[in-house]
Each structure stands twice: as structure tokens, then as C-alpha cells.
Amino acid sequence: HVTTTPNATMTGLAAPSRGSSELSTWQVDMAAGATGPEHSVSREQVWT
């Protein structure tokens, strides 16, 4: 459930492949100084 990219690590929590029918949740961990690529996402995201 863990995906590591050059910029961050995403740990999948709820998702359709793990029992959720509509929502996905995950944890993002990003090291100091890292910057992700410019991008857009087709759905609203809520980051806490």
C-alpha cells in the first residue's frame, strides 16, 4: 500500500481495492525541501 516517488511517500489507507466503495484516503509524507510537480487532480482533495 506504500508508493514512494522522488518527492514523497504515499501510504494508501481506504480505497476500493481495500473495501471502500466511494472514497480514498492516504497519508503523504514529504521531506523538507521537496517539491512535487505542477499538476491538477480531477476531484476535490481535502488535506489535513
ModelCIF file with pLDDT and N, C-alpha, C, O atoms, coordinates in Angstrom:
data_MODEL
#
_entry.id   MODEL 
#
_entity.id                         1 
_entity.type                       polymer 
_entity.pdbx_number_of_molecules   1 
#
_entity_poly.entity_id                      1 
_entity_poly.type                           'polypeptide(L)' 
_entity_poly.nstd_linkage                   no 
_entity_poly.nstd_monomer                   no 
_entity_poly.pdbx_seq_one_letter_code       HVTTTPNATMTGLAAPSRGSSELSTWQVDMAAGATGPEHSVSREQVWT 
_entity_poly.pdbx_seq_one_letter_code_can   HVTTTPNATMTGLAAPSRGSSELSTWQVDMAAGATGPEHSVSREQVWT 
_entity_poly.pdbx_strand_id                 A 
#
loop_
_entity_poly_seq.entity_id 
_entity_poly_seq.num 
_entity_poly_seq.mon_id 
_entity_poly_seq.hetero 
1 1  HIS n 
1 2  VAL n 
1 3  THR n 
1 4  THR n 
1 5  THR n 
1 6  PRO n 
1 7  ASN n 
1 8  ALA n 
1 9  THR n 
1 10 MET n 
1 11 THR n 
1 12 GLY n 
1 13 LEU n 
1 14 ALA n 
1 15 ALA n 
1 16 PRO n 
1 17 SER n 
1 18 ARG n 
1 19 GLY n 
1 20 SER n 
1 21 SER n 
1 22 GLU n 
1 23 LEU n 
1 24 SER n 
1 25 THR n 
1 26 TRP n 
1 27 GLN n 
1 28 VAL n 
1 29 ASP n 
1 30 MET n 
1 31 ALA n 
1 32 ALA n 
1 33 GLY n 
1 34 ALA n 
1 35 THR n 
1 36 GLY n 
1 37 PRO n 
1 38 GLU n 
1 39 HIS n 
1 40 SER n 
1 41 VAL n 
1 42 SER n 
1 43 ARG n 
1 44 GLU n 
1 45 GLN n 
1 46 VAL n 
1 47 TRP n 
1 48 THR n 
#
_struct_asym.id          A 
_struct_asym.entity_id   1 
#
loop_
_ma_qa_metric.id 
_ma_qa_metric.mode 
_ma_qa_metric.name 
_ma_qa_metric.software_group_id 
_ma_qa_metric.type 
1 global pLDDT . pLDDT 
2 local  pLDDT . pLDDT 
#
_ma_qa_metric_global.metric_id      1 
_ma_qa_metric_global.metric_value   94.90 
_ma_qa_metric_global.model_id       1 
_ma_qa_metric_global.ordinal_id     1 
#
loop_
_ma_qa_metric_local.label_asym_id 
_ma_qa_metric_local.label_comp_id 
_ma_qa_metric_local.label_seq_id 
_ma_qa_metric_local.metric_id 
_ma_qa_metric_local.metric_value 
_ma_qa_metric_local.model_id 
_ma_qa_metric_local.ordinal_id 
A HIS 1  2 92.00 1 1  
A VAL 2  2 95.00 1 2  
A THR 3  2 94.00 1 3  
A THR 4  2 95.00 1 4  
A THR 5  2 93.00 1 5  
A PRO 6  2 93.00 1 6  
A ASN 7  2 94.00 1 7  
A ALA 8  2 97.00 1 8  
A THR 9  2 97.00 1 9  
A MET 10 2 96.00 1 10 
A THR 11 2 96.00 1 11 
A GLY 12 2 94.00 1 12 
A LEU 13 2 95.00 1 13 
A ALA 14 2 93.00 1 14 
A ALA 15 2 92.00 1 15 
A PRO 16 2 92.00 1 16 
A SER 17 2 89.00 1 17 
A ARG 18 2 90.00 1 18 
A GLY 19 2 88.00 1 19 
A SER 20 2 91.00 1 20 
A SER 21 2 90.00 1 21 
A GLU 22 2 93.00 1 22 
A LEU 23 2 94.00 1 23 
A SER 24 2 95.00 1 24 
A THR 25 2 96.00 1 25 
A TRP 26 2 96.00 1 26 
A GLN 27 2 97.00 1 27 
A VAL 28 2 97.00 1 28 
A ASP 29 2 98.00 1 29 
A MET 30 2 98.00 1 30 
A ALA 31 2 98.00 1 31 
A ALA 32 2 98.00 1 32 
A GLY 33 2 97.00 1 33 
A ALA 34 2 97.00 1 34 
A THR 35 2 96.00 1 35 
A GLY 36 2 94.00 1 36 
A PRO 37 2 93.00 1 37 
A GLU 38 2 95.00 1 38 
A HIS 39 2 95.00 1 39 
A SER 40 2 96.00 1 40 
A VAL 41 2 96.00 1 41 
A SER 42 2 96.00 1 42 
A ARG 43 2 97.00 1 43 
A GLU 44 2 97.00 1 44 
A GLN 45 2 97.00 1 45 
A VAL 46 2 98.00 1 46 
A TRP 47 2 97.00 1 47 
A THR 48 2 98.00 1 48 
#
loop_
_atom_site.group_PDB 
_atom_site.id 
_atom_site.type_symbol 
_atom_site.label_atom_id 
_atom_site.label_alt_id 
_atom_site.label_comp_id 
_atom_site.label_asym_id 
_atom_site.label_entity_id 
_atom_site.label_seq_id 
_atom_site.pdbx_PDB_ins_code 
_atom_site.Cartn_x 
_atom_site.Cartn_y 
_atom_site.Cartn_z 
_atom_site.occupancy 
_atom_site.B_iso_or_equiv 
_atom_site.pdbx_formal_charge 
_atom_site.auth_seq_id 
_atom_site.auth_comp_id 
_atom_site.auth_asym_id 
_atom_site.auth_atom_id 
_atom_site.pdbx_PDB_model_num 
ATOM 1   N N  . HIS A 1 1  ? 0.816   -1.215 0.000   1.00 92.00 ? 1  HIS A N  1 
ATOM 2   C CA . HIS A 1 1  ? 0.000   0.000  0.000   1.00 92.00 ? 1  HIS A CA 1 
ATOM 3   C C  . HIS A 1 1  ? 0.847   1.262  0.000   1.00 92.00 ? 1  HIS A C  1 
ATOM 4   O O  . HIS A 1 1  ? 0.301   2.364  0.039   1.00 92.00 ? 1  HIS A O  1 
ATOM 5   N N  . VAL A 1 2  ? 2.168   1.128  -0.043  1.00 95.00 ? 2  VAL A N  1 
ATOM 6   C CA . VAL A 1 2  ? 3.078   2.266  0.048   1.00 95.00 ? 2  VAL A CA 1 
ATOM 7   C C  . VAL A 1 2  ? 3.706   2.531  -1.323  1.00 95.00 ? 2  VAL A C  1 
ATOM 8   O O  . VAL A 1 2  ? 4.261   1.631  -1.953  1.00 95.00 ? 2  VAL A O  1 
ATOM 9   N N  . THR A 1 3  ? 3.605   3.786  -1.768  1.00 94.00 ? 3  THR A N  1 
ATOM 10  C CA . THR A 1 3  ? 4.214   4.214  -3.031  1.00 94.00 ? 3  THR A CA 1 
ATOM 11  C C  . THR A 1 3  ? 5.186   5.339  -2.717  1.00 94.00 ? 3  THR A C  1 
ATOM 12  O O  . THR A 1 3  ? 4.820   6.343  -2.107  1.00 94.00 ? 3  THR A O  1 
ATOM 13  N N  . THR A 1 4  ? 6.438   5.155  -3.145  1.00 95.00 ? 4  THR A N  1 
ATOM 14  C CA . THR A 1 4  ? 7.444   6.184  -2.934  1.00 95.00 ? 4  THR A CA 1 
ATOM 15  C C  . THR A 1 4  ? 7.842   6.768  -4.275  1.00 95.00 ? 4  THR A C  1 
ATOM 16  O O  . THR A 1 4  ? 8.178   6.036  -5.206  1.00 95.00 ? 4  THR A O  1 
ATOM 17  N N  . THR A 1 5  ? 7.802   8.092  -4.371  1.00 93.00 ? 5  THR A N  1 
ATOM 18  C CA . THR A 1 5  ? 8.229   8.806  -5.569  1.00 93.00 ? 5  THR A CA 1 
ATOM 19  C C  . THR A 1 5  ? 9.463   9.628  -5.194  1.00 93.00 ? 5  THR A C  1 
ATOM 20  O O  . THR A 1 5  ? 9.844   9.652  -4.023  1.00 93.00 ? 5  THR A O  1 
ATOM 21  N N  . PRO A 1 6  ? 10.093  10.299 -6.153  1.00 93.00 ? 6  PRO A N  1 
ATOM 22  C CA . PRO A 1 6  ? 11.235  11.142 -5.787  1.00 93.00 ? 6  PRO A CA 1 
ATOM 23  C C  . PRO A 1 6  ? 10.870  12.278 -4.830  1.00 93.00 ? 6  PRO A C  1 
ATOM 24  O O  . PRO A 1 6  ? 11.754  12.839 -4.181  1.00 93.00 ? 6  PRO A O  1 
ATOM 25  N N  . ASN A 1 7  ? 9.581   12.627 -4.731  1.00 94.00 ? 7  ASN A N  1 
ATOM 26  C CA . ASN A 1 7  ? 9.172   13.775 -3.921  1.00 94.00 ? 7  ASN A CA 1 
ATOM 27  C C  . ASN A 1 7  ? 8.470   13.436 -2.618  1.00 94.00 ? 7  ASN A C  1 
ATOM 28  O O  . ASN A 1 7  ? 8.503   14.235 -1.682  1.00 94.00 ? 7  ASN A O  1 
ATOM 29  N N  . ALA A 1 8  ? 7.837   12.275 -2.529  1.00 97.00 ? 8  ALA A N  1 
ATOM 30  C CA . ALA A 1 8  ? 7.032   11.970 -1.337  1.00 97.00 ? 8  ALA A CA 1 
ATOM 31  C C  . ALA A 1 8  ? 6.763   10.474 -1.245  1.00 97.00 ? 8  ALA A C  1 
ATOM 32  O O  . ALA A 1 8  ? 7.024   9.712  -2.175  1.00 97.00 ? 8  ALA A O  1 
ATOM 33  N N  . THR A 1 9  ? 6.233   10.082 -0.092  1.00 97.00 ? 9  THR A N  1 
ATOM 34  C CA . THR A 1 9  ? 5.764   8.719  0.122   1.00 97.00 ? 9  THR A CA 1 
ATOM 35  C C  . THR A 1 9  ? 4.283   8.787  0.438   1.00 97.00 ? 9  THR A C  1 
ATOM 36  O O  . THR A 1 9  ? 3.861   9.533  1.322   1.00 97.00 ? 9  THR A O  1 
ATOM 37  N N  . MET A 1 10 ? 3.495   8.006  -0.286  1.00 96.00 ? 10 MET A N  1 
ATOM 38  C CA . MET A 1 10 ? 2.062   7.933  -0.078  1.00 96.00 ? 10 MET A CA 1 
ATOM 39  C C  . MET A 1 10 ? 1.729   6.544  0.465   1.00 96.00 ? 10 MET A C  1 
ATOM 40  O O  . MET A 1 10 ? 2.112   5.529  -0.115  1.00 96.00 ? 10 MET A O  1 
ATOM 41  N N  . THR A 1 11 ? 1.018   6.519  1.577   1.00 96.00 ? 11 THR A N  1 
ATOM 42  C CA . THR A 1 11 ? 0.590   5.261  2.187   1.00 96.00 ? 11 THR A CA 1 
ATOM 43  C C  . THR A 1 11 ? -0.916  5.169  2.049   1.00 96.00 ? 11 THR A C  1 
ATOM 44  O O  . THR A 1 11 ? -1.654  5.923  2.684   1.00 96.00 ? 11 THR A O  1 
ATOM 45  N N  . GLY A 1 12 ? -1.371  4.240  1.215   1.00 94.00 ? 12 GLY A N  1 
ATOM 46  C CA . GLY A 1 12 ? -2.797  4.074  0.977   1.00 94.00 ? 12 GLY A CA 1 
ATOM 47  C C  . GLY A 1 12 ? -3.519  3.549  2.199   1.00 94.00 ? 12 GLY A C  1 
ATOM 48  O O  . GLY A 1 12 ? -3.058  2.610  2.848   1.00 94.00 ? 12 GLY A O  1 
ATOM 49  N N  . LEU A 1 13 ? -4.637  4.149  2.506   1.00 95.00 ? 13 LEU A N  1 
ATOM 50  C CA . LEU A 1 13 ? -5.471  3.713  3.621   1.00 95.00 ? 13 LEU A CA 1 
ATOM 51  C C  . LEU A 1 13 ? -6.761  3.141  3.032   1.00 95.00 ? 13 LEU A C  1 
ATOM 52  O O  . LEU A 1 13 ? -6.756  1.999  2.574   1.00 95.00 ? 13 LEU A O  1 
ATOM 53  N N  . ALA A 1 14 ? -7.845  3.881  3.027   1.00 93.00 ? 14 ALA A N  1 
ATOM 54  C CA . ALA A 1 14 ? -9.086  3.393  2.417   1.00 93.00 ? 14 ALA A CA 1 
ATOM 55  C C  . ALA A 1 14 ? -9.017  3.586  0.905   1.00 93.00 ? 14 ALA A C  1 
ATOM 56  O O  . ALA A 1 14 ? -8.504  4.596  0.422   1.00 93.00 ? 14 ALA A O  1 
ATOM 57  N N  . ALA A 1 15 ? -9.537  2.610  0.162   1.00 92.00 ? 15 ALA A N  1 
ATOM 58  C CA . ALA A 1 15 ? -9.608  2.663  -1.305  1.00 92.00 ? 15 ALA A CA 1 
ATOM 59  C C  . ALA A 1 15 ? -10.493 1.514  -1.768  1.00 92.00 ? 15 ALA A C  1 
ATOM 60  O O  . ALA A 1 15 ? -10.720 0.571  -1.010  1.00 92.00 ? 15 ALA A O  1 
ATOM 61  N N  . PRO A 1 16 ? -10.995 1.575  -2.991  1.00 92.00 ? 16 PRO A N  1 
ATOM 62  C CA . PRO A 1 16 ? -11.823 0.475  -3.488  1.00 92.00 ? 16 PRO A CA 1 
ATOM 63  C C  . PRO A 1 16 ? -11.129 -0.887 -3.413  1.00 92.00 ? 16 PRO A C  1 
ATOM 64  O O  . PRO A 1 16 ? -11.777 -1.898 -3.140  1.00 92.00 ? 16 PRO A O  1 
ATOM 65  N N  . SER A 1 17 ? -9.836  -0.920 -3.652  1.00 89.00 ? 17 SER A N  1 
ATOM 66  C CA . SER A 1 17 ? -9.114  -2.199 -3.583  1.00 89.00 ? 17 SER A CA 1 
ATOM 67  C C  . SER A 1 17 ? -8.988  -2.712 -2.148  1.00 89.00 ? 17 SER A C  1 
ATOM 68  O O  . SER A 1 17 ? -8.583  -3.853 -1.925  1.00 89.00 ? 17 SER A O  1 
ATOM 69  N N  . ARG A 1 18 ? -9.340  -1.855 -1.167  1.00 90.00 ? 18 ARG A N  1 
ATOM 70  C CA . ARG A 1 18 ? -9.237  -2.247 0.243   1.00 90.00 ? 18 ARG A CA 1 
ATOM 71  C C  . ARG A 1 18 ? -10.580 -2.105 0.964   1.00 90.00 ? 18 ARG A C  1 
ATOM 72  O O  . ARG A 1 18 ? -10.617 -2.017 2.192   1.00 90.00 ? 18 ARG A O  1 
ATOM 73  N N  . GLY A 1 19 ? -11.691 -2.083 0.204   1.00 88.00 ? 19 GLY A N  1 
ATOM 74  C CA . GLY A 1 19 ? -13.005 -2.157 0.824   1.00 88.00 ? 19 GLY A CA 1 
ATOM 75  C C  . GLY A 1 19 ? -13.872 -0.916 0.774   1.00 88.00 ? 19 GLY A C  1 
ATOM 76  O O  . GLY A 1 19 ? -15.061 -1.005 1.080   1.00 88.00 ? 19 GLY A O  1 
ATOM 77  N N  . SER A 1 20 ? -13.337 0.238  0.405   1.00 91.00 ? 20 SER A N  1 
ATOM 78  C CA . SER A 1 20 ? -14.146 1.448  0.303   1.00 91.00 ? 20 SER A CA 1 
ATOM 79  C C  . SER A 1 20 ? -14.797 1.489  -1.076  1.00 91.00 ? 20 SER A C  1 
ATOM 80  O O  . SER A 1 20 ? -14.156 1.159  -2.073  1.00 91.00 ? 20 SER A O  1 
ATOM 81  N N  . SER A 1 21 ? -16.052 1.888  -1.139  1.00 90.00 ? 21 SER A N  1 
ATOM 82  C CA . SER A 1 21 ? -16.709 1.918  -2.446  1.00 90.00 ? 21 SER A CA 1 
ATOM 83  C C  . SER A 1 21 ? -16.634 3.288  -3.122  1.00 90.00 ? 21 SER A C  1 
ATOM 84  O O  . SER A 1 21 ? -16.742 3.357  -4.346  1.00 90.00 ? 21 SER A O  1 
ATOM 85  N N  . GLU A 1 22 ? -16.455 4.377  -2.377  1.00 93.00 ? 22 GLU A N  1 
ATOM 86  C CA . GLU A 1 22 ? -16.504 5.709  -2.963  1.00 93.00 ? 22 GLU A CA 1 
ATOM 87  C C  . GLU A 1 22 ? -15.300 6.594  -2.684  1.00 93.00 ? 22 GLU A C  1 
ATOM 88  O O  . GLU A 1 22 ? -14.955 7.445  -3.504  1.00 93.00 ? 22 GLU A O  1 
ATOM 89  N N  . LEU A 1 23 ? -14.663 6.408  -1.548  1.00 94.00 ? 23 LEU A N  1 
ATOM 90  C CA . LEU A 1 23 ? -13.602 7.320  -1.136  1.00 94.00 ? 23 LEU A CA 1 
ATOM 91  C C  . LEU A 1 23 ? -12.249 6.638  -1.053  1.00 94.00 ? 23 LEU A C  1 
ATOM 92  O O  . LEU A 1 23 ? -12.141 5.426  -0.864  1.00 94.00 ? 23 LEU A O  1 
ATOM 93  N N  . SER A 1 24 ? -11.225 7.462  -1.201  1.00 95.00 ? 24 SER A N  1 
ATOM 94  C CA . SER A 1 24 ? -9.856  7.029  -0.952  1.00 95.00 ? 24 SER A CA 1 
ATOM 95  C C  . SER A 1 24 ? -9.251  7.971  0.072   1.00 95.00 ? 24 SER A C  1 
ATOM 96  O O  . SER A 1 24 ? -9.483  9.180  0.042   1.00 95.00 ? 24 SER A O  1 
ATOM 97  N N  . THR A 1 25 ? -8.478  7.404  0.968   1.00 96.00 ? 25 THR A N  1 
ATOM 98  C CA . THR A 1 25 ? -7.711  8.208  1.908   1.00 96.00 ? 25 THR A CA 1 
ATOM 99  C C  . THR A 1 25 ? -6.295  7.668  1.929   1.00 96.00 ? 25 THR A C  1 
ATOM 100 O O  . THR A 1 25 ? -6.064  6.472  1.749   1.00 96.00 ? 25 THR A O  1 
ATOM 101 N N  . TRP A 1 26 ? -5.352  8.571  2.151   1.00 96.00 ? 26 TRP A N  1 
ATOM 102 C CA . TRP A 1 26 ? -3.959  8.155  2.236   1.00 96.00 ? 26 TRP A CA 1 
ATOM 103 C C  . TRP A 1 26 ? -3.177  9.152  3.062   1.00 96.00 ? 26 TRP A C  1 
ATOM 104 O O  . TRP A 1 26 ? -3.630  10.265 3.328   1.00 96.00 ? 26 TRP A O  1 
ATOM 105 N N  . GLN A 1 27 ? -1.989  8.726  3.460   1.00 97.00 ? 27 GLN A N  1 
ATOM 106 C CA . GLN A 1 27 ? -1.084  9.613  4.172   1.00 97.00 ? 27 GLN A CA 1 
ATOM 107 C C  . GLN A 1 27 ? 0.035   9.999  3.223   1.00 97.00 ? 27 GLN A C  1 
ATOM 108 O O  . GLN A 1 27 ? 0.583   9.153  2.516   1.00 97.00 ? 27 GLN A O  1 
ATOM 109 N N  . VAL A 1 28 ? 0.370   11.281 3.211   1.00 97.00 ? 28 VAL A N  1 
ATOM 110 C CA . VAL A 1 28 ? 1.504   11.792 2.440   1.00 97.00 ? 28 VAL A CA 1 
ATOM 111 C C  . VAL A 1 28 ? 2.587   12.202 3.432   1.00 97.00 ? 28 VAL A C  1 
ATOM 112 O O  . VAL A 1 28 ? 2.321   12.916 4.399   1.00 97.00 ? 28 VAL A O  1 
ATOM 113 N N  . ASP A 1 29 ? 3.802   11.744 3.179   1.00 98.00 ? 29 ASP A N  1 
ATOM 114 C CA . ASP A 1 29 ? 4.966   12.178 3.949   1.00 98.00 ? 29 ASP A CA 1 
ATOM 115 C C  . ASP A 1 29 ? 5.952   12.779 2.960   1.00 98.00 ? 29 ASP A C  1 
ATOM 116 O O  . ASP A 1 29 ? 6.333   12.135 1.983   1.00 98.00 ? 29 ASP A O  1 
ATOM 117 N N  . MET A 1 30 ? 6.365   14.019 3.219   1.00 98.00 ? 30 MET A N  1 
ATOM 118 C CA . MET A 1 30 ? 7.267   14.719 2.311   1.00 98.00 ? 30 MET A CA 1 
ATOM 119 C C  . MET A 1 30 ? 8.405   15.327 3.128   1.00 98.00 ? 30 MET A C  1 
ATOM 120 O O  . MET A 1 30 ? 8.168   15.976 4.147   1.00 98.00 ? 30 MET A O  1 
ATOM 121 N N  . ALA A 1 31 ? 9.631   15.116 2.678   1.00 98.00 ? 31 ALA A N  1 
ATOM 122 C CA . ALA A 1 31 ? 10.808  15.616 3.383   1.00 98.00 ? 31 ALA A CA 1 
ATOM 123 C C  . ALA A 1 31 ? 11.008  17.103 3.128   1.00 98.00 ? 31 ALA A C  1 
ATOM 124 O O  . ALA A 1 31 ? 10.597  17.627 2.093   1.00 98.00 ? 31 ALA A O  1 
ATOM 125 N N  . ALA A 1 32 ? 11.636  17.769 4.071   1.00 98.00 ? 32 ALA A N  1 
ATOM 126 C CA . ALA A 1 32 ? 11.942  19.189 3.953   1.00 98.00 ? 32 ALA A CA 1 
ATOM 127 C C  . ALA A 1 32 ? 12.701  19.463 2.659   1.00 98.00 ? 32 ALA A C  1 
ATOM 128 O O  . ALA A 1 32 ? 13.659  18.765 2.325   1.00 98.00 ? 32 ALA A O  1 
ATOM 129 N N  . GLY A 1 33 ? 12.264  20.478 1.946   1.00 97.00 ? 33 GLY A N  1 
ATOM 130 C CA . GLY A 1 33 ? 12.902  20.886 0.704   1.00 97.00 ? 33 GLY A CA 1 
ATOM 131 C C  . GLY A 1 33 ? 12.340  20.244 -0.551  1.00 97.00 ? 33 GLY A C  1 
ATOM 132 O O  . GLY A 1 33 ? 12.646  20.681 -1.661  1.00 97.00 ? 33 GLY A O  1 
ATOM 133 N N  . ALA A 1 34 ? 11.521  19.214 -0.391  1.00 97.00 ? 34 ALA A N  1 
ATOM 134 C CA . ALA A 1 34 ? 10.947  18.531 -1.561  1.00 97.00 ? 34 ALA A CA 1 
ATOM 135 C C  . ALA A 1 34 ? 9.822   19.370 -2.166  1.00 97.00 ? 34 ALA A C  1 
ATOM 136 O O  . ALA A 1 34 ? 9.112   20.088 -1.463  1.00 97.00 ? 34 ALA A O  1 
ATOM 137 N N  . THR A 1 35 ? 9.682   19.259 -3.486  1.00 96.00 ? 35 THR A N  1 
ATOM 138 C CA . THR A 1 35 ? 8.612   19.938 -4.209  1.00 96.00 ? 35 THR A CA 1 
ATOM 139 C C  . THR A 1 35 ? 8.039   18.967 -5.233  1.00 96.00 ? 35 THR A C  1 
ATOM 140 O O  . THR A 1 35 ? 8.780   18.376 -6.018  1.00 96.00 ? 35 THR A O  1 
ATOM 141 N N  . GLY A 1 36 ? 6.740   18.807 -5.224  1.00 94.00 ? 36 GLY A N  1 
ATOM 142 C CA . GLY A 1 36 ? 6.088   17.949 -6.200  1.00 94.00 ? 36 GLY A CA 1 
ATOM 143 C C  . GLY A 1 36 ? 5.922   18.661 -7.524  1.00 94.00 ? 36 GLY A C  1 
ATOM 144 O O  . GLY A 1 36 ? 6.126   19.872 -7.610  1.00 94.00 ? 36 GLY A O  1 
ATOM 145 N N  . PRO A 1 37 ? 5.553   17.919 -8.561  1.00 93.00 ? 37 PRO A N  1 
ATOM 146 C CA . PRO A 1 37 ? 5.349   18.535 -9.874  1.00 93.00 ? 37 PRO A CA 1 
ATOM 147 C C  . PRO A 1 37 ? 4.068   19.370 -9.909  1.00 93.00 ? 37 PRO A C  1 
ATOM 148 O O  . PRO A 1 37 ? 3.134   19.126 -9.145  1.00 93.00 ? 37 PRO A O  1 
ATOM 149 N N  . GLU A 1 38 ? 4.041   20.345 -10.795 1.00 95.00 ? 38 GLU A N  1 
ATOM 150 C CA . GLU A 1 38 ? 2.806   21.082 -11.025 1.00 95.00 ? 38 GLU A CA 1 
ATOM 151 C C  . GLU A 1 38 ? 1.814   20.110 -11.648 1.00 95.00 ? 38 GLU A C  1 
ATOM 152 O O  . GLU A 1 38 ? 2.153   19.390 -12.587 1.00 95.00 ? 38 GLU A O  1 
ATOM 153 N N  . HIS A 1 39 ? 0.591   20.087 -11.131 1.00 95.00 ? 39 HIS A N  1 
ATOM 154 C CA . HIS A 1 39 ? -0.407  19.138 -11.614 1.00 95.00 ? 39 HIS A CA 1 
ATOM 155 C C  . HIS A 1 39 ? -1.799  19.584 -11.186 1.00 95.00 ? 39 HIS A C  1 
ATOM 156 O O  . HIS A 1 39 ? -1.956  20.496 -10.375 1.00 95.00 ? 39 HIS A O  1 
ATOM 157 N N  . SER A 1 40 ? -2.798  18.925 -11.745 1.00 96.00 ? 40 SER A N  1 
ATOM 158 C CA . SER A 1 40 ? -4.178  19.106 -11.289 1.00 96.00 ? 40 SER A CA 1 
ATOM 159 C C  . SER A 1 40 ? -4.763  17.730 -11.042 1.00 96.00 ? 40 SER A C  1 
ATOM 160 O O  . SER A 1 40 ? -4.284  16.732 -11.580 1.00 96.00 ? 40 SER A O  1 
ATOM 161 N N  . VAL A 1 41 ? -5.805  17.685 -10.223 1.00 96.00 ? 41 VAL A N  1 
ATOM 162 C CA . VAL A 1 41 ? -6.488  16.439 -9.895  1.00 96.00 ? 41 VAL A CA 1 
ATOM 163 C C  . VAL A 1 41 ? -7.947  16.610 -10.273 1.00 96.00 ? 41 VAL A C  1 
ATOM 164 O O  . VAL A 1 41 ? -8.534  17.663 -10.025 1.00 96.00 ? 41 VAL A O  1 
ATOM 165 N N  . SER A 1 42 ? -8.529  15.600 -10.862 1.00 96.00 ? 42 SER A N  1 
ATOM 166 C CA . SER A 1 42 ? -9.898  15.706 -11.375 1.00 96.00 ? 42 SER A CA 1 
ATOM 167 C C  . SER A 1 42 ? -10.969 15.736 -10.287 1.00 96.00 ? 42 SER A C  1 
ATOM 168 O O  . SER A 1 42 ? -12.139 15.972 -10.588 1.00 96.00 ? 42 SER A O  1 
ATOM 169 N N  . ARG A 1 43 ? -10.595 15.504 -9.040  1.00 97.00 ? 43 ARG A N  1 
ATOM 170 C CA . ARG A 1 43 ? -11.551 15.514 -7.929  1.00 97.00 ? 43 ARG A CA 1 
ATOM 171 C C  . ARG A 1 43 ? -11.046 16.426 -6.815  1.00 97.00 ? 43 ARG A C  1 
ATOM 172 O O  . ARG A 1 43 ? -9.842  16.630 -6.660  1.00 97.00 ? 43 ARG A O  1 
ATOM 173 N N  . GLU A 1 44 ? -11.979 16.966 -6.049  1.00 97.00 ? 44 GLU A N  1 
ATOM 174 C CA . GLU A 1 44 ? -11.613 17.742 -4.877  1.00 97.00 ? 44 GLU A CA 1 
ATOM 175 C C  . GLU A 1 44 ? -10.791 16.874 -3.928  1.00 97.00 ? 44 GLU A C  1 
ATOM 176 O O  . GLU A 1 44 ? -11.061 15.683 -3.772  1.00 97.00 ? 44 GLU A O  1 
ATOM 177 N N  . GLN A 1 45 ? -9.790  17.479 -3.299  1.00 97.00 ? 45 GLN A N  1 
ATOM 178 C CA . GLN A 1 45 ? -8.997  16.796 -2.277  1.00 97.00 ? 45 GLN A CA 1 
ATOM 179 C C  . GLN A 1 45 ? -9.051  17.604 -0.989  1.00 97.00 ? 45 GLN A C  1 
ATOM 180 O O  . GLN A 1 45 ? -9.090  18.834 -1.012  1.00 97.00 ? 45 GLN A O  1 
ATOM 181 N N  . VAL A 1 46 ? -9.054  16.893 0.135   1.00 98.00 ? 46 VAL A N  1 
ATOM 182 C CA . VAL A 1 46 ? -9.016  17.508 1.452   1.00 98.00 ? 46 VAL A CA 1 
ATOM 183 C C  . VAL A 1 46 ? -7.754  17.002 2.146   1.00 98.00 ? 46 VAL A C  1 
ATOM 184 O O  . VAL A 1 46 ? -7.600  15.803 2.382   1.00 98.00 ? 46 VAL A O  1 
ATOM 185 N N  . TRP A 1 47 ? -6.855  17.928 2.469   1.00 97.00 ? 47 TRP A N  1 
ATOM 186 C CA . TRP A 1 47 ? -5.578  17.618 3.114   1.00 97.00 ? 47 TRP A CA 1 
ATOM 187 C C  . TRP A 1 47 ? -5.623  18.128 4.552   1.00 97.00 ? 47 TRP A C  1 
ATOM 188 O O  . TRP A 1 47 ? -5.884  19.311 4.771   1.00 97.00 ? 47 TRP A O  1 
ATOM 189 N N  . THR A 1 48 ? -5.375  17.268 5.530   1.00 98.00 ? 48 THR A N  1 
ATOM 190 C CA . THR A 1 48 ? -5.259  17.666 6.925   1.00 98.00 ? 48 THR A CA 1 
ATOM 191 C C  . THR A 1 48 ? -3.835  17.398 7.375   1.00 98.00 ? 48 THR A C  1 
ATOM 192 O O  . THR A 1 48 ? -3.492  17.657 8.528   1.00 98.00 ? 48 THR A O  1 
#
